[in-house]
Amino acid sequence: MLYLSKLGKNVLNAISNMKEGNATLQAKVWVKLARSSALEIDQHSGYTKAIELLMKEESVEVVEVLIEYAEWLH
């Protein structure tokens, strides 16, 4: 995913193919992409998608992502 992101490719399709995996794994990929992206819009998108996935799963890991997202917004 990171390789595709660095090439400027659309990673949404690649992550969509991961639907067989669990939401926690998908969220981790989104956070990793948010951290490595150079564009603010991609960072924002990565964090929000990760938060959405973790909230659907009612995972406690959403707290860590929310804190990191809040720090990024600050």
PDB file of N, CA and C in Angstrom:
ATOM      1  N   MET A   1       0.816  -1.186   0.000  1.00  0.00           N
ATOM      2  CA  MET A   1       0.000   0.000   0.000  1.00  0.00           C
ATOM      3  C   MET A   1       0.865   1.257   0.000  1.00  0.00           C
ATOM      4  N   LEU A   2       1.906   1.219   0.823  1.00  0.00           N
ATOM      5  CA  LEU A   2       2.784   2.388   0.896  1.00  0.00           C
ATOM      6  C   LEU A   2       3.472   2.632  -0.436  1.00  0.00           C
ATOM      7  N   TYR A   3       3.857   1.556  -1.093  1.00  0.00           N
ATOM      8  CA  TYR A   3       4.519   1.681  -2.388  1.00  0.00           C
ATOM      9  C   TYR A   3       3.587   2.339  -3.391  1.00  0.00           C
ATOM     10  N   LEU A   4       2.340   1.904  -3.426  1.00  0.00           N
ATOM     11  CA  LEU A   4       1.361   2.499  -4.335  1.00  0.00           C
ATOM     12  C   LEU A   4       1.122   3.958  -3.997  1.00  0.00           C
ATOM     13  N   SER A   5       1.088   4.248  -2.716  1.00  0.00           N
ATOM     14  CA  SER A   5       0.875   5.620  -2.271  1.00  0.00           C
ATOM     15  C   SER A   5       2.017   6.523  -2.718  1.00  0.00           C
ATOM     16  N   LYS A   6       3.248   6.041  -2.570  1.00  0.00           N
ATOM     17  CA  LYS A   6       4.411   6.832  -2.959  1.00  0.00           C
ATOM     18  C   LYS A   6       4.447   7.075  -4.466  1.00  0.00           C
ATOM     19  N   LEU A   7       3.871   6.145  -5.236  1.00  0.00           N
ATOM     20  CA  LEU A   7       3.812   6.309  -6.682  1.00  0.00           C
ATOM     21  C   LEU A   7       2.673   7.226  -7.119  1.00  0.00           C
ATOM     22  N   GLY A   8       1.864   7.645  -6.156  1.00  0.00           N
ATOM     23  CA  GLY A   8       0.746   8.520  -6.476  1.00  0.00           C
ATOM     24  C   GLY A   8      -0.473   7.767  -6.981  1.00  0.00           C
ATOM     25  N   LYS A   9      -0.484   6.468  -6.788  1.00  0.00           N
ATOM     26  CA  LYS A   9      -1.602   5.639  -7.238  1.00  0.00           C
ATOM     27  C   LYS A   9      -2.740   5.706  -6.226  1.00  0.00           C
ATOM     28  N   ASN A  10      -3.921   5.352  -6.680  1.00  0.00           N
ATOM     29  CA  ASN A  10      -5.096   5.322  -5.820  1.00  0.00           C
ATOM     30  C   ASN A  10      -5.062   4.053  -4.984  1.00  0.00           C
ATOM     31  N   VAL A  11      -4.890   4.199  -3.693  1.00  0.00           N
ATOM     32  CA  VAL A  11      -4.806   3.039  -2.811  1.00  0.00           C
ATOM     33  C   VAL A  11      -6.181   2.592  -2.328  1.00  0.00           C
ATOM     34  N   LEU A  12      -7.194   3.382  -2.609  1.00  0.00           N
ATOM     35  CA  LEU A  12      -8.543   3.026  -2.173  1.00  0.00           C
ATOM     36  C   LEU A  12      -8.963   1.686  -2.756  1.00  0.00           C
ATOM     37  N   ASN A  13      -8.658   1.447  -4.017  1.00  0.00           N
ATOM     38  CA  ASN A  13      -9.013   0.168  -4.647  1.00  0.00           C
ATOM     39  C   ASN A  13      -8.284  -0.996  -3.984  1.00  0.00           C
ATOM     40  N   ALA A  14      -7.020  -0.789  -3.681  1.00  0.00           N
ATOM     41  CA  ALA A  14      -6.233  -1.856  -3.060  1.00  0.00           C
ATOM     42  C   ALA A  14      -6.755  -2.175  -1.659  1.00  0.00           C
ATOM     43  N   ILE A  15      -7.116  -1.153  -0.912  1.00  0.00           N
ATOM     44  CA  ILE A  15      -7.632  -1.388   0.435  1.00  0.00           C
ATOM     45  C   ILE A  15      -9.031  -2.002   0.363  1.00  0.00           C
ATOM     46  N   SER A  16      -9.793  -1.636  -0.629  1.00  0.00           N
ATOM     47  CA  SER A  16     -11.125  -2.215  -0.795  1.00  0.00           C
ATOM     48  C   SER A  16     -11.047  -3.714  -1.051  1.00  0.00           C
ATOM     49  N   ASN A  17      -9.963  -4.155  -1.660  1.00  0.00           N
ATOM     50  CA  ASN A  17      -9.777  -5.582  -1.909  1.00  0.00           C
ATOM     51  C   ASN A  17      -9.465  -6.347  -0.629  1.00  0.00           C
ATOM     52  N   MET A  18      -9.173  -5.643   0.442  1.00  0.00           N
ATOM     53  CA  MET A  18      -8.873  -6.268   1.725  1.00  0.00           C
ATOM     54  C   MET A  18     -10.139  -6.553   2.526  1.00  0.00           C
ATOM     55  N   LYS A  19     -11.289  -6.483   1.924  1.00  0.00           N
ATOM     56  CA  LYS A  19     -12.538  -6.619   2.678  1.00  0.00           C
ATOM     57  C   LYS A  19     -12.652  -7.950   3.405  1.00  0.00           C
ATOM     58  N   GLU A  20     -11.907  -8.962   2.945  1.00  0.00           N
ATOM     59  CA  GLU A  20     -11.946 -10.236   3.654  1.00  0.00           C
ATOM     60  C   GLU A  20     -11.264 -10.123   5.009  1.00  0.00           C
ATOM     61  N   GLY A  21     -10.328  -9.188   5.130  1.00  0.00           N
ATOM     62  CA  GLY A  21      -9.611  -8.983   6.388  1.00  0.00           C
ATOM     63  C   GLY A  21     -10.493  -8.275   7.394  1.00  0.00           C
ATOM     64  N   ASN A  22     -10.006  -8.204   8.618  1.00  0.00           N
ATOM     65  CA  ASN A  22     -10.811  -7.543   9.637  1.00  0.00           C
ATOM     66  C   ASN A  22     -10.634  -6.028   9.580  1.00  0.00           C
ATOM     67  N   ALA A  23     -11.536  -5.336  10.195  1.00  0.00           N
ATOM     68  CA  ALA A  23     -11.546  -3.873  10.154  1.00  0.00           C
ATOM     69  C   ALA A  23     -10.343  -3.280  10.882  1.00  0.00           C
ATOM     70  N   THR A  24      -9.865  -3.953  11.900  1.00  0.00           N
ATOM     71  CA  THR A  24      -8.715  -3.450  12.636  1.00  0.00           C
ATOM     72  C   THR A  24      -7.480  -3.410  11.746  1.00  0.00           C
ATOM     73  N   LEU A  25      -7.285  -4.429  10.948  1.00  0.00           N
ATOM     74  CA  LEU A  25      -6.151  -4.467  10.033  1.00  0.00           C
ATOM     75  C   LEU A  25      -6.275  -3.373   8.974  1.00  0.00           C
ATOM     76  N   GLN A  26      -7.463  -3.195   8.439  1.00  0.00           N
ATOM     77  CA  GLN A  26      -7.697  -2.131   7.453  1.00  0.00           C
ATOM     78  C   GLN A  26      -7.427  -0.765   8.073  1.00  0.00           C
ATOM     79  N   ALA A  27      -7.863  -0.571   9.305  1.00  0.00           N
ATOM     80  CA  ALA A  27      -7.653   0.706   9.985  1.00  0.00           C
ATOM     81  C   ALA A  27      -6.168   0.980  10.189  1.00  0.00           C
ATOM     82  N   LYS A  28      -5.417  -0.049  10.523  1.00  0.00           N
ATOM     83  CA  LYS A  28      -3.975   0.122  10.695  1.00  0.00           C
ATOM     84  C   LYS A  28      -3.319   0.548   9.389  1.00  0.00           C
ATOM     85  N   VAL A  29      -3.788   0.010   8.283  1.00  0.00           N
ATOM     86  CA  VAL A  29      -3.252   0.398   6.971  1.00  0.00           C
ATOM     87  C   VAL A  29      -3.587   1.857   6.694  1.00  0.00           C
ATOM     88  N   TRP A  30      -4.813   2.277   6.990  1.00  0.00           N
ATOM     89  CA  TRP A  30      -5.199   3.676   6.774  1.00  0.00           C
ATOM     90  C   TRP A  30      -4.361   4.625   7.622  1.00  0.00           C
ATOM     91  N   VAL A  31      -4.102   4.261   8.875  1.00  0.00           N
ATOM     92  CA  VAL A  31      -3.290   5.112   9.743  1.00  0.00           C
ATOM     93  C   VAL A  31      -1.864   5.184   9.213  1.00  0.00           C
ATOM     94  N   LYS A  32      -1.337   4.063   8.783  1.00  0.00           N
ATOM     95  CA  LYS A  32       0.025   4.046   8.230  1.00  0.00           C
ATOM     96  C   LYS A  32       0.112   4.935   6.997  1.00  0.00           C
ATOM     97  N   LEU A  33      -0.906   4.883   6.148  1.00  0.00           N
ATOM     98  CA  LEU A  33      -0.927   5.744   4.964  1.00  0.00           C
ATOM     99  C   LEU A  33      -1.053   7.215   5.352  1.00  0.00           C
ATOM    100  N   ALA A  34      -1.840   7.494   6.363  1.00  0.00           N
ATOM    101  CA  ALA A  34      -1.989   8.879   6.830  1.00  0.00           C
ATOM    102  C   ALA A  34      -0.664   9.418   7.337  1.00  0.00           C
ATOM    103  N   ARG A  35       0.059   8.590   8.057  1.00  0.00           N
ATOM    104  CA  ARG A  35       1.357   9.024   8.605  1.00  0.00           C
ATOM    105  C   ARG A  35       2.383   9.273   7.505  1.00  0.00           C
ATOM    106  N   SER A  36       2.327   8.490   6.440  1.00  0.00           N
ATOM    107  CA  SER A  36       3.367   8.582   5.418  1.00  0.00           C
ATOM    108  C   SER A  36       3.022   9.520   4.266  1.00  0.00           C
ATOM    109  N   SER A  37       1.799   9.970   4.205  1.00  0.00           N
ATOM    110  CA  SER A  37       1.378  10.811   3.098  1.00  0.00           C
ATOM    111  C   SER A  37       1.918  12.228   3.229  1.00  0.00           C
ATOM    112  N   ALA A  38       2.225  12.821   2.087  1.00  0.00           N
ATOM    113  CA  ALA A  38       2.738  14.195   2.069  1.00  0.00           C
ATOM    114  C   ALA A  38       1.608  15.213   1.948  1.00  0.00           C
ATOM    115  N   LEU A  39       0.470  14.798   1.420  1.00  0.00           N
ATOM    116  CA  LEU A  39      -0.657  15.699   1.219  1.00  0.00           C
ATOM    117  C   LEU A  39      -1.586  15.682   2.428  1.00  0.00           C
ATOM    118  N   GLU A  40      -1.982  16.872   2.873  1.00  0.00           N
ATOM    119  CA  GLU A  40      -2.862  16.974   4.044  1.00  0.00           C
ATOM    120  C   GLU A  40      -4.205  16.295   3.808  1.00  0.00           C
ATOM    121  N   ILE A  41      -4.732  16.397   2.603  1.00  0.00           N
ATOM    122  CA  ILE A  41      -6.037  15.786   2.308  1.00  0.00           C
ATOM    123  C   ILE A  41      -5.969  14.269   2.438  1.00  0.00           C
ATOM    124  N   ASP A  42      -4.843  13.678   2.033  1.00  0.00           N
ATOM    125  CA  ASP A  42      -4.673  12.233   2.166  1.00  0.00           C
ATOM    126  C   ASP A  42      -4.484  11.840   3.631  1.00  0.00           C
ATOM    127  N   GLN A  43      -3.802  12.671   4.392  1.00  0.00           N
ATOM    128  CA  GLN A  43      -3.633  12.404   5.817  1.00  0.00           C
ATOM    129  C   GLN A  43      -4.981  12.441   6.518  1.00  0.00           C
ATOM    130  N   HIS A  44      -5.752  13.474   6.232  1.00  0.00           N
ATOM    131  CA  HIS A  44      -7.084  13.612   6.836  1.00  0.00           C
ATOM    132  C   HIS A  44      -7.969  12.425   6.454  1.00  0.00           C
ATOM    133  N   SER A  45      -7.949  12.072   5.199  1.00  0.00           N
ATOM    134  CA  SER A  45      -8.759  10.957   4.714  1.00  0.00           C
ATOM    135  C   SER A  45      -8.362   9.648   5.393  1.00  0.00           C
ATOM    136  N   GLY A  46      -7.070   9.417   5.529  1.00  0.00           N
ATOM    137  CA  GLY A  46      -6.599   8.190   6.173  1.00  0.00           C
ATOM    138  C   GLY A  46      -7.054   8.076   7.611  1.00  0.00           C
ATOM    139  N   TYR A  47      -6.906   9.159   8.353  1.00  0.00           N
ATOM    140  CA  TYR A  47      -7.340   9.141   9.756  1.00  0.00           C
ATOM    141  C   TYR A  47      -8.848   8.941   9.878  1.00  0.00           C
ATOM    142  N   THR A  48      -9.625   9.647   9.079  1.00  0.00           N
ATOM    143  CA  THR A  48     -11.078   9.530   9.205  1.00  0.00           C
ATOM    144  C   THR A  48     -11.575   8.142   8.801  1.00  0.00           C
ATOM    145  N   LYS A  49     -10.977   7.551   7.779  1.00  0.00           N
ATOM    146  CA  LYS A  49     -11.387   6.199   7.386  1.00  0.00           C
ATOM    147  C   LYS A  49     -11.031   5.184   8.461  1.00  0.00           C
ATOM    148  N   ALA A  50      -9.864   5.353   9.078  1.00  0.00           N
ATOM    149  CA  ALA A  50      -9.468   4.446  10.160  1.00  0.00           C
ATOM    150  C   ALA A  50     -10.428   4.574  11.336  1.00  0.00           C
ATOM    151  N   ILE A  51     -10.779   5.802  11.682  1.00  0.00           N
ATOM    152  CA  ILE A  51     -11.699   6.027  12.801  1.00  0.00           C
ATOM    153  C   ILE A  51     -13.068   5.425  12.501  1.00  0.00           C
ATOM    154  N   GLU A  52     -13.561   5.612  11.287  1.00  0.00           N
ATOM    155  CA  GLU A  52     -14.859   5.044  10.905  1.00  0.00           C
ATOM    156  C   GLU A  52     -14.855   3.527  11.044  1.00  0.00           C
ATOM    157  N   LEU A  53     -13.806   2.883  10.540  1.00  0.00           N
ATOM    158  CA  LEU A  53     -13.727   1.423  10.609  1.00  0.00           C
ATOM    159  C   LEU A  53     -13.684   0.925  12.051  1.00  0.00           C
ATOM    160  N   LEU A  54     -12.888   1.569  12.868  1.00  0.00           N
ATOM    161  CA  LEU A  54     -12.764   1.132  14.254  1.00  0.00           C
ATOM    162  C   LEU A  54     -14.028   1.400  15.061  1.00  0.00           C
ATOM    163  N   MET A  55     -14.731   2.477  14.735  1.00  0.00           N
ATOM    164  CA  MET A  55     -15.989   2.758  15.439  1.00  0.00           C
ATOM    165  C   MET A  55     -17.061   1.743  15.059  1.00  0.00           C
ATOM    166  N   LYS A  56     -17.081   1.311  13.806  1.00  0.00           N
ATOM    167  CA  LYS A  56     -18.037   0.277  13.394  1.00  0.00           C
ATOM    168  C   LYS A  56     -17.805  -1.024  14.146  1.00  0.00           C
ATOM    169  N   GLU A  57     -16.533  -1.334  14.377  1.00  0.00           N
ATOM    170  CA  GLU A  57     -16.177  -2.560  15.087  1.00  0.00           C
ATOM    171  C   GLU A  57     -16.269  -2.399  16.604  1.00  0.00           C
ATOM    172  N   GLU A  58     -16.510  -1.165  17.064  1.00  0.00           N
ATOM    173  CA  GLU A  58     -16.546  -0.846  18.484  1.00  0.00           C
ATOM    174  C   GLU A  58     -15.256  -1.272  19.175  1.00  0.00           C
ATOM    175  N   SER A  59     -14.152  -1.005  18.506  1.00  0.00           N
ATOM    176  CA  SER A  59     -12.837  -1.362  19.017  1.00  0.00           C
ATOM    177  C   SER A  59     -12.297  -0.262  19.928  1.00  0.00           C
ATOM    178  N   VAL A  60     -11.614  -0.677  20.981  1.00  0.00           N
ATOM    179  CA  VAL A  60     -11.011   0.299  21.885  1.00  0.00           C
ATOM    180  C   VAL A  60      -9.792   0.963  21.249  1.00  0.00           C
ATOM    181  N   GLU A  61      -9.282   0.390  20.176  1.00  0.00           N
ATOM    182  CA  GLU A  61      -8.134   0.966  19.482  1.00  0.00           C
ATOM    183  C   GLU A  61      -8.465   2.307  18.840  1.00  0.00           C
ATOM    184  N   VAL A  62      -9.745   2.616  18.735  1.00  0.00           N
ATOM    185  CA  VAL A  62     -10.159   3.895  18.159  1.00  0.00           C
ATOM    186  C   VAL A  62      -9.670   5.058  19.020  1.00  0.00           C
ATOM    187  N   VAL A  63      -9.488   4.815  20.313  1.00  0.00           N
ATOM    188  CA  VAL A  63      -9.039   5.874  21.214  1.00  0.00           C
ATOM    189  C   VAL A  63      -7.643   6.360  20.807  1.00  0.00           C
ATOM    190  N   GLU A  64      -6.743   5.439  20.541  1.00  0.00           N
ATOM    191  CA  GLU A  64      -5.386   5.810  20.139  1.00  0.00           C
ATOM    192  C   GLU A  64      -5.380   6.593  18.828  1.00  0.00           C
ATOM    193  N   VAL A  65      -6.216   6.152  17.889  1.00  0.00           N
ATOM    194  CA  VAL A  65      -6.280   6.832  16.591  1.00  0.00           C
ATOM    195  C   VAL A  65      -6.897   8.213  16.756  1.00  0.00           C
ATOM    196  N   LEU A  66      -7.905   8.333  17.597  1.00  0.00           N
ATOM    197  CA  LEU A  66      -8.516   9.638  17.850  1.00  0.00           C
ATOM    198  C   LEU A  66      -7.520  10.615  18.472  1.00  0.00           C
ATOM    199  N   ILE A  67      -6.714  10.124  19.388  1.00  0.00           N
ATOM    200  CA  ILE A  67      -5.712  10.988  20.016  1.00  0.00           C
ATOM    201  C   ILE A  67      -4.672  11.418  18.989  1.00  0.00           C
ATOM    202  N   GLU A  68      -4.210  10.490  18.178  1.00  0.00           N
ATOM    203  CA  GLU A  68      -3.227  10.834  17.148  1.00  0.00           C
ATOM    204  C   GLU A  68      -3.814  11.809  16.142  1.00  0.00           C
ATOM    205  N   TYR A  69      -5.068  11.613  15.779  1.00  0.00           N
ATOM    206  CA  TYR A  69      -5.754  12.505  14.842  1.00  0.00           C
ATOM    207  C   TYR A  69      -5.905  13.910  15.442  1.00  0.00           C
ATOM    208  N   ALA A  70      -6.244  13.956  16.721  1.00  0.00           N
ATOM    209  CA  ALA A  70      -6.375  15.251  17.403  1.00  0.00           C
ATOM    210  C   ALA A  70      -5.040  15.996  17.435  1.00  0.00           C
ATOM    211  N   GLU A  71      -3.971  15.267  17.701  1.00  0.00           N
ATOM    212  CA  GLU A  71      -2.636  15.886  17.686  1.00  0.00           C
ATOM    213  C   GLU A  71      -2.289  16.376  16.294  1.00  0.00           C
ATOM    214  N   TRP A  72      -2.652  15.621  15.286  1.00  0.00           N
ATOM    215  CA  TRP A  72      -2.394  16.030  13.903  1.00  0.00           C
ATOM    216  C   TRP A  72      -3.186  17.292  13.577  1.00  0.00           C
ATOM    217  N   LEU A  73      -4.420  17.368  14.025  1.00  0.00           N
ATOM    218  CA  LEU A  73      -5.240  18.554  13.774  1.00  0.00           C
ATOM    219  C   LEU A  73      -4.680  19.781  14.473  1.00  0.00           C
ATOM    220  N   HIS A  74      -4.108  19.552  15.640  1.00  0.00           N
ATOM    221  CA  HIS A  74      -3.554  20.666  16.411  1.00  0.00           C
ATOM    222  C   HIS A  74      -2.366  21.255  15.695  1.00  0.00           C
TER     223      HIS A  74
END
